[in-house]
Amino acid sequence: KIALQVLEEVGKEDLSRIHAHFEEIGGDLSIVCLPWLLTAFADSAPCRVTFKFWDMVFEVGAPGVIALALALLLELEETLLGCDSISGVMDVMHRGTRRQQPRWD
């Protein structure tokens, strides 16, 4: 729960466009990112991202998890801003991350 609260607070600053858009369409970062965190990204991300998630967990703990979620949100920013509903956002978060090729490699 603390990770979700931190993600929400950090998102207000670092992802202000996404944060404002989510509020406009009736959602928030913590709710949208919850499935990622509950499934450890395994359900919606490519294997490389899931492996990176576990590397971050073992190396730095919760701050790494939050950093990875923020990085993925930034990667999907333009697509997320084009969504007009939370269900559309959730679809992008689930399916879009599977197709996303992270820039950190």
N, C-alpha and C. Protein backbone atom coordinates (compact mmCIF):
# COMPACT_ATOMS: atom_id res chain seq x y z
N LYS A 1 0.83 -1.19 0.00
CA LYS A 1 0.00 0.00 0.00
C LYS A 1 0.87 1.25 0.00
N ILE A 2 1.96 1.19 0.72
CA ILE A 2 2.85 2.36 0.78
C ILE A 2 3.44 2.64 -0.59
N ALA A 3 3.80 1.59 -1.32
CA ALA A 3 4.36 1.79 -2.66
C ALA A 3 3.35 2.50 -3.57
N LEU A 4 2.08 2.15 -3.44
CA LEU A 4 1.05 2.81 -4.25
C LEU A 4 0.91 4.28 -3.87
N GLN A 5 0.97 4.57 -2.58
CA GLN A 5 0.88 5.97 -2.14
C GLN A 5 2.07 6.78 -2.63
N VAL A 6 3.26 6.19 -2.55
CA VAL A 6 4.46 6.87 -3.04
C VAL A 6 4.36 7.07 -4.55
N LEU A 7 3.92 6.06 -5.26
CA LEU A 7 3.76 6.17 -6.70
C LEU A 7 2.80 7.31 -7.05
N GLU A 8 1.71 7.41 -6.33
CA GLU A 8 0.74 8.48 -6.56
C GLU A 8 1.37 9.85 -6.33
N GLU A 9 2.11 10.00 -5.24
CA GLU A 9 2.73 11.28 -4.91
C GLU A 9 3.83 11.66 -5.89
N VAL A 10 4.68 10.70 -6.21
CA VAL A 10 5.76 10.97 -7.17
C VAL A 10 5.16 11.25 -8.55
N GLY A 11 4.12 10.53 -8.89
CA GLY A 11 3.46 10.74 -10.18
C GLY A 11 2.90 12.13 -10.35
N LYS A 12 2.43 12.73 -9.27
CA LYS A 12 1.91 14.10 -9.35
C LYS A 12 2.97 15.06 -9.86
N GLU A 13 4.20 14.84 -9.44
CA GLU A 13 5.30 15.71 -9.85
C GLU A 13 5.91 15.29 -11.18
N ASP A 14 6.32 14.05 -11.26
CA ASP A 14 7.10 13.58 -12.40
C ASP A 14 6.26 13.20 -13.62
N LEU A 15 5.01 12.89 -13.40
CA LEU A 15 4.11 12.51 -14.49
C LEU A 15 2.87 13.40 -14.48
N SER A 16 3.09 14.68 -14.40
CA SER A 16 1.96 15.60 -14.19
C SER A 16 0.91 15.53 -15.30
N ARG A 17 1.33 15.35 -16.54
CA ARG A 17 0.35 15.26 -17.63
C ARG A 17 -0.51 14.00 -17.50
N ILE A 18 0.14 12.88 -17.22
CA ILE A 18 -0.59 11.62 -17.06
C ILE A 18 -1.48 11.70 -15.83
N HIS A 19 -0.94 12.20 -14.74
CA HIS A 19 -1.70 12.31 -13.50
C HIS A 19 -2.95 13.16 -13.71
N ALA A 20 -2.81 14.31 -14.34
CA ALA A 20 -3.96 15.19 -14.59
C ALA A 20 -4.97 14.51 -15.51
N HIS A 21 -4.49 13.81 -16.52
CA HIS A 21 -5.40 13.14 -17.45
C HIS A 21 -6.19 12.05 -16.75
N PHE A 22 -5.51 11.26 -15.91
CA PHE A 22 -6.21 10.21 -15.19
C PHE A 22 -7.28 10.79 -14.28
N GLU A 23 -6.97 11.87 -13.60
CA GLU A 23 -7.98 12.51 -12.74
C GLU A 23 -9.16 13.01 -13.57
N GLU A 24 -8.87 13.54 -14.75
CA GLU A 24 -9.91 14.05 -15.64
C GLU A 24 -10.88 12.96 -16.09
N ILE A 25 -10.35 11.76 -16.31
CA ILE A 25 -11.23 10.67 -16.78
C ILE A 25 -11.69 9.76 -15.65
N GLY A 26 -11.38 10.13 -14.41
CA GLY A 26 -11.95 9.43 -13.27
C GLY A 26 -11.10 8.33 -12.66
N GLY A 27 -9.79 8.44 -12.71
CA GLY A 27 -8.94 7.43 -12.12
C GLY A 27 -7.73 8.04 -11.46
N ASP A 28 -6.86 7.20 -10.96
CA ASP A 28 -5.60 7.69 -10.41
C ASP A 28 -4.50 6.66 -10.64
N LEU A 29 -3.27 7.11 -10.50
CA LEU A 29 -2.13 6.25 -10.78
C LEU A 29 -2.10 4.99 -9.94
N SER A 30 -2.43 5.12 -8.67
CA SER A 30 -2.33 3.96 -7.79
C SER A 30 -3.29 2.85 -8.21
N ILE A 31 -4.49 3.21 -8.61
CA ILE A 31 -5.47 2.19 -9.05
C ILE A 31 -5.04 1.59 -10.39
N VAL A 32 -4.57 2.43 -11.29
CA VAL A 32 -4.18 1.96 -12.61
C VAL A 32 -2.95 1.05 -12.54
N CYS A 33 -2.03 1.35 -11.65
CA CYS A 33 -0.79 0.57 -11.55
C CYS A 33 -0.92 -0.66 -10.66
N LEU A 34 -2.00 -0.76 -9.93
CA LEU A 34 -2.18 -1.89 -9.01
C LEU A 34 -2.01 -3.25 -9.68
N PRO A 35 -2.63 -3.50 -10.84
CA PRO A 35 -2.43 -4.81 -11.46
C PRO A 35 -0.97 -5.12 -11.78
N TRP A 36 -0.21 -4.11 -12.19
CA TRP A 36 1.22 -4.32 -12.45
C TRP A 36 1.90 -4.83 -11.19
N LEU A 37 1.62 -4.15 -10.08
CA LEU A 37 2.31 -4.47 -8.84
C LEU A 37 1.83 -5.79 -8.24
N LEU A 38 0.55 -6.08 -8.35
CA LEU A 38 0.02 -7.33 -7.80
C LEU A 38 0.55 -8.56 -8.53
N THR A 39 0.77 -8.41 -9.82
CA THR A 39 1.26 -9.56 -10.60
C THR A 39 2.75 -9.48 -10.87
N ALA A 40 3.42 -8.52 -10.25
CA ALA A 40 4.87 -8.33 -10.44
C ALA A 40 5.20 -8.16 -11.92
N PHE A 41 4.32 -7.48 -12.65
CA PHE A 41 4.47 -7.17 -14.07
C PHE A 41 4.39 -8.40 -14.97
N ALA A 42 4.29 -9.60 -14.42
CA ALA A 42 4.33 -10.83 -15.21
C ALA A 42 3.13 -10.98 -16.13
N ASP A 43 2.00 -10.44 -15.76
CA ASP A 43 0.78 -10.60 -16.54
C ASP A 43 0.70 -9.65 -17.73
N SER A 44 1.44 -8.55 -17.68
CA SER A 44 1.24 -7.55 -18.72
C SER A 44 2.51 -7.06 -19.39
N ALA A 45 3.65 -7.51 -18.96
CA ALA A 45 4.90 -7.00 -19.51
C ALA A 45 5.69 -8.11 -20.18
N PRO A 46 6.54 -7.74 -21.12
CA PRO A 46 7.42 -8.74 -21.72
C PRO A 46 8.35 -9.34 -20.67
N CYS A 47 8.88 -10.49 -20.95
CA CYS A 47 9.77 -11.16 -20.00
C CYS A 47 10.92 -10.26 -19.57
N ARG A 48 11.48 -9.49 -20.50
CA ARG A 48 12.59 -8.60 -20.15
C ARG A 48 12.20 -7.62 -19.06
N VAL A 49 10.99 -7.09 -19.13
CA VAL A 49 10.53 -6.14 -18.13
C VAL A 49 10.29 -6.85 -16.80
N THR A 50 9.69 -8.03 -16.86
CA THR A 50 9.46 -8.80 -15.63
C THR A 50 10.78 -9.14 -14.95
N PHE A 51 11.78 -9.54 -15.74
CA PHE A 51 13.10 -9.83 -15.16
C PHE A 51 13.71 -8.57 -14.57
N LYS A 52 13.55 -7.45 -15.25
CA LYS A 52 14.07 -6.18 -14.73
C LYS A 52 13.37 -5.83 -13.41
N PHE A 53 12.07 -6.08 -13.35
CA PHE A 53 11.32 -5.85 -12.12
C PHE A 53 11.95 -6.62 -10.96
N TRP A 54 12.19 -7.91 -11.16
CA TRP A 54 12.74 -8.72 -10.09
C TRP A 54 14.17 -8.31 -9.75
N ASP A 55 14.94 -7.90 -10.74
CA ASP A 55 16.27 -7.37 -10.46
C ASP A 55 16.16 -6.16 -9.53
N MET A 56 15.22 -5.27 -9.84
CA MET A 56 15.03 -4.06 -9.03
C MET A 56 14.58 -4.41 -7.62
N VAL A 57 13.70 -5.38 -7.49
CA VAL A 57 13.23 -5.78 -6.16
C VAL A 57 14.40 -6.26 -5.30
N PHE A 58 15.24 -7.10 -5.88
CA PHE A 58 16.35 -7.66 -5.10
C PHE A 58 17.48 -6.66 -4.88
N GLU A 59 17.67 -5.74 -5.82
CA GLU A 59 18.76 -4.78 -5.68
C GLU A 59 18.42 -3.61 -4.76
N VAL A 60 17.25 -3.02 -4.96
CA VAL A 60 16.94 -1.79 -4.21
C VAL A 60 15.59 -1.78 -3.51
N GLY A 61 14.80 -2.81 -3.68
CA GLY A 61 13.52 -2.86 -2.99
C GLY A 61 12.45 -1.98 -3.62
N ALA A 62 11.56 -1.47 -2.78
CA ALA A 62 10.40 -0.70 -3.25
C ALA A 62 10.75 0.51 -4.11
N PRO A 63 11.80 1.27 -3.80
CA PRO A 63 12.12 2.41 -4.68
C PRO A 63 12.37 1.99 -6.13
N GLY A 64 12.98 0.83 -6.32
CA GLY A 64 13.21 0.34 -7.67
C GLY A 64 11.93 -0.03 -8.38
N VAL A 65 11.00 -0.60 -7.65
CA VAL A 65 9.70 -0.97 -8.21
C VAL A 65 8.96 0.29 -8.67
N ILE A 66 8.99 1.29 -7.85
CA ILE A 66 8.33 2.56 -8.19
C ILE A 66 9.00 3.19 -9.40
N ALA A 67 10.32 3.16 -9.43
CA ALA A 67 11.05 3.72 -10.57
C ALA A 67 10.70 3.00 -11.87
N LEU A 68 10.58 1.68 -11.81
CA LEU A 68 10.22 0.92 -13.00
C LEU A 68 8.81 1.25 -13.46
N ALA A 69 7.87 1.35 -12.53
CA ALA A 69 6.49 1.71 -12.90
C ALA A 69 6.46 3.09 -13.53
N LEU A 70 7.19 4.04 -12.97
CA LEU A 70 7.25 5.39 -13.54
C LEU A 70 7.86 5.36 -14.94
N ALA A 71 8.91 4.57 -15.12
CA ALA A 71 9.54 4.47 -16.43
C ALA A 71 8.58 3.91 -17.47
N LEU A 72 7.83 2.89 -17.10
CA LEU A 72 6.86 2.31 -18.03
C LEU A 72 5.74 3.31 -18.36
N LEU A 73 5.30 4.03 -17.36
CA LEU A 73 4.27 5.05 -17.62
C LEU A 73 4.79 6.11 -18.58
N LEU A 74 6.03 6.52 -18.41
CA LEU A 74 6.62 7.50 -19.33
C LEU A 74 6.71 6.95 -20.74
N GLU A 75 7.05 5.67 -20.86
CA GLU A 75 7.13 5.04 -22.18
C GLU A 75 5.77 5.04 -22.88
N LEU A 76 4.72 4.90 -22.09
CA LEU A 76 3.35 4.80 -22.64
C LEU A 76 2.61 6.14 -22.62
N GLU A 77 3.28 7.20 -22.23
CA GLU A 77 2.61 8.48 -21.98
C GLU A 77 1.69 8.93 -23.11
N GLU A 78 2.17 9.02 -24.32
CA GLU A 78 1.35 9.54 -25.42
C GLU A 78 0.13 8.66 -25.67
N THR A 79 0.30 7.36 -25.59
CA THR A 79 -0.83 6.45 -25.78
C THR A 79 -1.84 6.61 -24.66
N LEU A 80 -1.36 6.71 -23.41
CA LEU A 80 -2.25 6.88 -22.27
C LEU A 80 -3.03 8.19 -22.35
N LEU A 81 -2.37 9.24 -22.82
CA LEU A 81 -3.04 10.54 -22.93
C LEU A 81 -4.14 10.52 -23.99
N GLY A 82 -4.05 9.58 -24.91
CA GLY A 82 -5.08 9.44 -25.93
C GLY A 82 -6.30 8.66 -25.49
N CYS A 83 -6.26 8.05 -24.33
CA CYS A 83 -7.38 7.26 -23.82
C CYS A 83 -8.45 8.18 -23.25
N ASP A 84 -9.71 7.84 -23.50
CA ASP A 84 -10.80 8.68 -22.99
C ASP A 84 -11.59 8.03 -21.86
N SER A 85 -11.08 6.91 -21.36
CA SER A 85 -11.73 6.24 -20.22
C SER A 85 -10.68 5.44 -19.44
N ILE A 86 -11.01 5.15 -18.20
CA ILE A 86 -10.11 4.33 -17.39
C ILE A 86 -10.01 2.92 -17.96
N SER A 87 -11.09 2.41 -18.52
CA SER A 87 -11.01 1.07 -19.12
C SER A 87 -10.05 1.07 -20.30
N GLY A 88 -10.02 2.15 -21.06
CA GLY A 88 -9.05 2.27 -22.15
C GLY A 88 -7.63 2.32 -21.62
N VAL A 89 -7.43 3.05 -20.52
CA VAL A 89 -6.12 3.12 -19.88
C VAL A 89 -5.69 1.73 -19.42
N MET A 90 -6.61 1.03 -18.77
CA MET A 90 -6.29 -0.31 -18.26
C MET A 90 -5.93 -1.26 -19.40
N ASP A 91 -6.61 -1.12 -20.52
CA ASP A 91 -6.30 -1.95 -21.69
C ASP A 91 -4.89 -1.65 -22.19
N VAL A 92 -4.54 -0.38 -22.28
CA VAL A 92 -3.20 0.01 -22.71
C VAL A 92 -2.16 -0.52 -21.72
N MET A 93 -2.45 -0.39 -20.45
CA MET A 93 -1.51 -0.83 -19.42
C MET A 93 -1.30 -2.34 -19.49
N HIS A 94 -2.36 -3.07 -19.83
CA HIS A 94 -2.23 -4.52 -19.90
C HIS A 94 -1.60 -4.97 -21.22
N ARG A 95 -2.19 -4.53 -22.31
CA ARG A 95 -1.73 -4.99 -23.62
C ARG A 95 -0.56 -4.19 -24.15
N GLY A 96 -0.59 -2.89 -23.90
CA GLY A 96 0.45 -2.00 -24.42
C GLY A 96 1.82 -2.30 -23.87
N THR A 97 1.89 -2.69 -22.62
CA THR A 97 3.20 -2.96 -22.04
C THR A 97 3.80 -4.22 -22.63
N ARG A 98 2.98 -5.14 -23.02
CA ARG A 98 3.49 -6.37 -23.64
C ARG A 98 4.23 -6.06 -24.94
N ARG A 99 3.74 -5.06 -25.67
CA ARG A 99 4.34 -4.72 -26.96
C ARG A 99 5.45 -3.68 -26.83
N GLN A 100 5.52 -3.03 -25.70
CA GLN A 100 6.47 -1.95 -25.49
C GLN A 100 7.90 -2.47 -25.45
N GLN A 101 8.79 -1.79 -26.12
CA GLN A 101 10.21 -2.12 -26.07
C GLN A 101 10.89 -1.05 -25.22
N PRO A 102 11.20 -1.36 -23.95
CA PRO A 102 11.78 -0.36 -23.06
C PRO A 102 13.10 0.19 -23.60
N ARG A 103 13.32 1.49 -23.35
CA ARG A 103 14.53 2.16 -23.82
C ARG A 103 15.71 1.96 -22.90
N TRP A 104 15.52 1.30 -21.76
CA TRP A 104 16.64 1.21 -20.84
C TRP A 104 17.66 0.14 -21.21
N ASP A 105 17.35 -0.74 -22.16
CA ASP A 105 18.30 -1.79 -22.56
C ASP A 105 19.33 -1.24 -23.53
